[in-house]
């Protein structure tokens, strides 16, 4: 399951997309505005935004008109990148991870291990789906849901 921290990160980034943060003529979005609209505690959101900034997903501007912007276009930021930035590996076992590989330690033969193979397939399918969903696509889904309600 995704942590609440990752859910807040996804919701906050979708809010930046919907607010136009980074588009021509649109300035940054204040942390307080993100926090209140997404019902995220402001102090917690500060930590989340720092993690997203370290991952190169957002930038910030200081000052009275400061706030947060997407570091790249919404089409270039995937749900997969956000999950990795917040959670680390998508693989459920360390020996199946591509970016965070570590031997599991209790396996007799990694090459023939059914557990590793099963979770490698799960990782591949999960990353394919998550990497295929951009913030732009997610924002479109959000707008459709808002229009139905």
C-alpha atoms as a PDB file:
ATOM      1  CA  UNK A   1       0.000   0.000   0.000  1.00  0.00           C
ATOM      2  CA  UNK A   2       1.086   3.529  -0.656  1.00  0.00           C
ATOM      3  CA  UNK A   3       1.994   5.594   2.351  1.00  0.00           C
ATOM      4  CA  UNK A   4      -0.071   8.655   3.172  1.00  0.00           C
ATOM      5  CA  UNK A   5       3.038  10.715   2.413  1.00  0.00           C
ATOM      6  CA  UNK A   6       3.061   9.446  -1.190  1.00  0.00           C
ATOM      7  CA  UNK A   7      -0.691  10.028  -1.558  1.00  0.00           C
ATOM      8  CA  UNK A   8      -0.196  13.626  -0.358  1.00  0.00           C
ATOM      9  CA  UNK A   9       2.678  14.060  -2.818  1.00  0.00           C
ATOM     10  CA  UNK A  10       0.571  12.808  -5.725  1.00  0.00           C
ATOM     11  CA  UNK A  11      -2.395  14.991  -4.759  1.00  0.00           C
ATOM     12  CA  UNK A  12      -0.189  18.060  -4.296  1.00  0.00           C
ATOM     13  CA  UNK A  13       1.507  17.617  -7.666  1.00  0.00           C
ATOM     14  CA  UNK A  14      -1.853  17.104  -9.378  1.00  0.00           C
ATOM     15  CA  UNK A  15      -2.988  20.349  -7.745  1.00  0.00           C
ATOM     16  CA  UNK A  16       0.072  22.133  -9.191  1.00  0.00           C
ATOM     17  CA  UNK A  17      -0.869  20.847 -12.653  1.00  0.00           C
ATOM     18  CA  UNK A  18      -4.485  21.925 -12.250  1.00  0.00           C
ATOM     19  CA  UNK A  19      -3.318  25.338 -10.971  1.00  0.00           C
ATOM     20  CA  UNK A  20      -1.150  25.821 -14.053  1.00  0.00           C
ATOM     21  CA  UNK A  21       2.035  26.176 -11.992  1.00  0.00           C
ATOM     22  CA  UNK A  22       4.870  26.604 -14.442  1.00  0.00           C
ATOM     23  CA  UNK A  23       2.781  27.334 -17.506  1.00  0.00           C
ATOM     24  CA  UNK A  24       3.378  30.581 -19.364  1.00  0.00           C
ATOM     25  CA  UNK A  25       1.932  33.454 -17.375  1.00  0.00           C
ATOM     26  CA  UNK A  26       1.358  31.331 -14.271  1.00  0.00           C
ATOM     27  CA  UNK A  27       3.526  31.744 -11.227  1.00  0.00           C
ATOM     28  CA  UNK A  28       4.303  29.388  -8.393  1.00  0.00           C
ATOM     29  CA  UNK A  29       1.657  28.086  -6.004  1.00  0.00           C
ATOM     30  CA  UNK A  30       2.033  28.910  -2.320  1.00  0.00           C
ATOM     31  CA  UNK A  31       2.546  26.021   0.056  1.00  0.00           C
ATOM     32  CA  UNK A  32      -0.369  27.244   2.185  1.00  0.00           C
ATOM     33  CA  UNK A  33      -2.695  27.091  -0.840  1.00  0.00           C
ATOM     34  CA  UNK A  34      -1.622  23.546  -1.670  1.00  0.00           C
ATOM     35  CA  UNK A  35      -1.975  22.465   1.960  1.00  0.00           C
ATOM     36  CA  UNK A  36      -5.444  23.927   2.445  1.00  0.00           C
ATOM     37  CA  UNK A  37      -6.860  22.693  -0.859  1.00  0.00           C
ATOM     38  CA  UNK A  38      -5.475  19.180  -0.425  1.00  0.00           C
ATOM     39  CA  UNK A  39      -6.070  18.979   3.340  1.00  0.00           C
ATOM     40  CA  UNK A  40      -2.410  18.284   4.077  1.00  0.00           C
ATOM     41  CA  UNK A  41      -0.822  19.559   7.300  1.00  0.00           C
ATOM     42  CA  UNK A  42       1.462  22.444   6.177  1.00  0.00           C
ATOM     43  CA  UNK A  43       4.516  21.324   8.173  1.00  0.00           C
ATOM     44  CA  UNK A  44       4.213  17.812   6.736  1.00  0.00           C
ATOM     45  CA  UNK A  45       3.756  19.219   3.233  1.00  0.00           C
ATOM     46  CA  UNK A  46       7.000  21.193   3.627  1.00  0.00           C
ATOM     47  CA  UNK A  47       8.878  17.918   4.158  1.00  0.00           C
ATOM     48  CA  UNK A  48       7.124  16.295   1.222  1.00  0.00           C
ATOM     49  CA  UNK A  49       7.937  19.209  -1.075  1.00  0.00           C
ATOM     50  CA  UNK A  50      11.599  19.045   0.029  1.00  0.00           C
ATOM     51  CA  UNK A  51      11.697  15.366  -1.001  1.00  0.00           C
ATOM     52  CA  UNK A  52      10.060  16.209  -4.332  1.00  0.00           C
ATOM     53  CA  UNK A  53      12.547  19.039  -4.848  1.00  0.00           C
ATOM     54  CA  UNK A  54      15.513  16.736  -4.111  1.00  0.00           C
ATOM     55  CA  UNK A  55      14.102  14.298  -6.674  1.00  0.00           C
ATOM     56  CA  UNK A  56      13.978  17.070  -9.284  1.00  0.00           C
ATOM     57  CA  UNK A  57      10.188  16.998  -9.609  1.00  0.00           C
ATOM     58  CA  UNK A  58       9.474  20.517  -8.318  1.00  0.00           C
ATOM     59  CA  UNK A  59      11.313  23.788  -7.967  1.00  0.00           C
ATOM     60  CA  UNK A  60      10.615  26.585  -5.541  1.00  0.00           C
ATOM     61  CA  UNK A  61      10.736  30.353  -5.566  1.00  0.00           C
ATOM     62  CA  UNK A  62      11.218  32.427  -2.439  1.00  0.00           C
ATOM     63  CA  UNK A  63       9.525  35.623  -1.453  1.00  0.00           C
ATOM     64  CA  UNK A  64       6.007  36.976  -1.094  1.00  0.00           C
ATOM     65  CA  UNK A  65       5.040  35.702  -4.543  1.00  0.00           C
ATOM     66  CA  UNK A  66       7.003  32.486  -4.079  1.00  0.00           C
ATOM     67  CA  UNK A  67       5.857  28.926  -3.962  1.00  0.00           C
ATOM     68  CA  UNK A  68       6.232  25.703  -5.904  1.00  0.00           C
ATOM     69  CA  UNK A  69       6.335  24.867  -9.599  1.00  0.00           C
ATOM     70  CA  UNK A  70       6.742  21.643 -11.514  1.00  0.00           C
ATOM     71  CA  UNK A  71      10.373  21.176 -12.535  1.00  0.00           C
ATOM     72  CA  UNK A  72       9.295  19.665 -15.883  1.00  0.00           C
ATOM     73  CA  UNK A  73       6.109  19.546 -17.867  1.00  0.00           C
ATOM     74  CA  UNK A  74       3.249  17.490 -16.470  1.00  0.00           C
ATOM     75  CA  UNK A  75       3.606  15.120 -19.422  1.00  0.00           C
ATOM     76  CA  UNK A  76       7.202  14.347 -18.390  1.00  0.00           C
ATOM     77  CA  UNK A  77       6.504  13.475 -14.745  1.00  0.00           C
ATOM     78  CA  UNK A  78       5.095  10.001 -14.200  1.00  0.00           C
ATOM     79  CA  UNK A  79       3.308   8.528 -11.228  1.00  0.00           C
ATOM     80  CA  UNK A  80       6.169   5.997 -11.182  1.00  0.00           C
ATOM     81  CA  UNK A  81       8.765   8.739 -10.691  1.00  0.00           C
ATOM     82  CA  UNK A  82       6.749  10.199  -7.830  1.00  0.00           C
ATOM     83  CA  UNK A  83       6.283   6.834  -6.117  1.00  0.00           C
ATOM     84  CA  UNK A  84      10.015   6.104  -6.425  1.00  0.00           C
ATOM     85  CA  UNK A  85      10.896   9.548  -5.030  1.00  0.00           C
ATOM     86  CA  UNK A  86       8.667   9.059  -2.007  1.00  0.00           C
ATOM     87  CA  UNK A  87       8.763   5.301  -1.367  1.00  0.00           C
ATOM     88  CA  UNK A  88      12.003   4.092  -2.904  1.00  0.00           C
ATOM     89  CA  UNK A  89      11.820   0.859  -4.893  1.00  0.00           C
ATOM     90  CA  UNK A  90       8.587  -0.267  -6.481  1.00  0.00           C
ATOM     91  CA  UNK A  91       9.675  -3.901  -6.198  1.00  0.00           C
ATOM     92  CA  UNK A  92       8.283  -5.656  -3.139  1.00  0.00           C
ATOM     93  CA  UNK A  93      11.431  -7.725  -2.580  1.00  0.00           C
ATOM     94  CA  UNK A  94      14.942  -6.291  -2.742  1.00  0.00           C
ATOM     95  CA  UNK A  95      16.294  -8.960  -5.090  1.00  0.00           C
ATOM     96  CA  UNK A  96      13.688  -7.991  -7.724  1.00  0.00           C
ATOM     97  CA  UNK A  97      14.498  -4.272  -7.642  1.00  0.00           C
ATOM     98  CA  UNK A  98      16.205  -2.667 -10.623  1.00  0.00           C
ATOM     99  CA  UNK A  99      17.321   0.586  -8.983  1.00  0.00           C
ATOM    100  CA  UNK A 100      17.659  -0.613  -5.382  1.00  0.00           C
ATOM    101  CA  UNK A 101      18.849  -4.205  -5.817  1.00  0.00           C
ATOM    102  CA  UNK A 102      20.088  -6.118  -2.811  1.00  0.00           C
ATOM    103  CA  UNK A 103      20.349  -9.890  -2.420  1.00  0.00           C
ATOM    104  CA  UNK A 104      17.596 -11.278  -0.221  1.00  0.00           C
ATOM    105  CA  UNK A 105      19.998 -13.489   1.681  1.00  0.00           C
ATOM    106  CA  UNK A 106      17.792 -16.554   2.073  1.00  0.00           C
ATOM    107  CA  UNK A 107      17.721 -17.660  -1.558  1.00  0.00           C
ATOM    108  CA  UNK A 108      19.614 -20.746  -2.695  1.00  0.00           C
ATOM    109  CA  UNK A 109      19.815 -19.706  -6.353  1.00  0.00           C
ATOM    110  CA  UNK A 110      18.600 -16.297  -7.505  1.00  0.00           C
ATOM    111  CA  UNK A 111      18.426 -17.404 -11.135  1.00  0.00           C
ATOM    112  CA  UNK A 112      15.888 -20.150 -10.415  1.00  0.00           C
ATOM    113  CA  UNK A 113      14.059 -18.592  -7.461  1.00  0.00           C
ATOM    114  CA  UNK A 114      10.302 -18.620  -8.107  1.00  0.00           C
ATOM    115  CA  UNK A 115       9.709 -15.859  -5.554  1.00  0.00           C
ATOM    116  CA  UNK A 116      12.187 -13.515  -7.262  1.00  0.00           C
ATOM    117  CA  UNK A 117      10.731 -14.337 -10.681  1.00  0.00           C
ATOM    118  CA  UNK A 118       7.137 -13.707  -9.595  1.00  0.00           C
ATOM    119  CA  UNK A 119       7.969 -10.400  -7.938  1.00  0.00           C
ATOM    120  CA  UNK A 120      10.140  -9.333 -10.868  1.00  0.00           C
ATOM    121  CA  UNK A 121       7.132  -9.795 -13.152  1.00  0.00           C
ATOM    122  CA  UNK A 122       4.957  -7.853 -10.724  1.00  0.00           C
ATOM    123  CA  UNK A 123       7.574  -5.077 -10.635  1.00  0.00           C
ATOM    124  CA  UNK A 124       7.756  -4.959 -14.429  1.00  0.00           C
ATOM    125  CA  UNK A 125       4.000  -4.688 -14.848  1.00  0.00           C
ATOM    126  CA  UNK A 126       3.598  -2.188 -12.020  1.00  0.00           C
ATOM    127  CA  UNK A 127       6.349   0.081 -13.306  1.00  0.00           C
ATOM    128  CA  UNK A 128       4.998  -0.133 -16.851  1.00  0.00           C
ATOM    129  CA  UNK A 129       1.608   1.076 -15.653  1.00  0.00           C
ATOM    130  CA  UNK A 130       2.890   3.731 -13.218  1.00  0.00           C
ATOM    131  CA  UNK A 131       5.489   5.061 -15.680  1.00  0.00           C
ATOM    132  CA  UNK A 132       2.767   5.267 -18.323  1.00  0.00           C
ATOM    133  CA  UNK A 133       0.576   7.579 -16.245  1.00  0.00           C
ATOM    134  CA  UNK A 134       1.757  11.175 -16.350  1.00  0.00           C
ATOM    135  CA  UNK A 135       0.627  13.984 -14.101  1.00  0.00           C
ATOM    136  CA  UNK A 136      -1.064  15.459 -17.164  1.00  0.00           C
ATOM    137  CA  UNK A 137      -3.118  12.287 -17.625  1.00  0.00           C
ATOM    138  CA  UNK A 138      -3.937  12.169 -13.915  1.00  0.00           C
ATOM    139  CA  UNK A 139      -5.086  15.795 -14.003  1.00  0.00           C
ATOM    140  CA  UNK A 140      -7.434  14.977 -16.888  1.00  0.00           C
ATOM    141  CA  UNK A 141      -8.898  12.144 -14.811  1.00  0.00           C
ATOM    142  CA  UNK A 142      -9.368  14.536 -11.883  1.00  0.00           C
ATOM    143  CA  UNK A 143     -11.170  17.049 -14.090  1.00  0.00           C
ATOM    144  CA  UNK A 144     -13.488  14.358 -15.444  1.00  0.00           C
ATOM    145  CA  UNK A 145     -14.358  13.240 -11.928  1.00  0.00           C
ATOM    146  CA  UNK A 146     -15.023  16.831 -10.860  1.00  0.00           C
ATOM    147  CA  UNK A 147     -17.307  17.363 -13.877  1.00  0.00           C
ATOM    148  CA  UNK A 148     -19.378  14.278 -13.017  1.00  0.00           C
ATOM    149  CA  UNK A 149     -19.993  15.308  -9.396  1.00  0.00           C
END
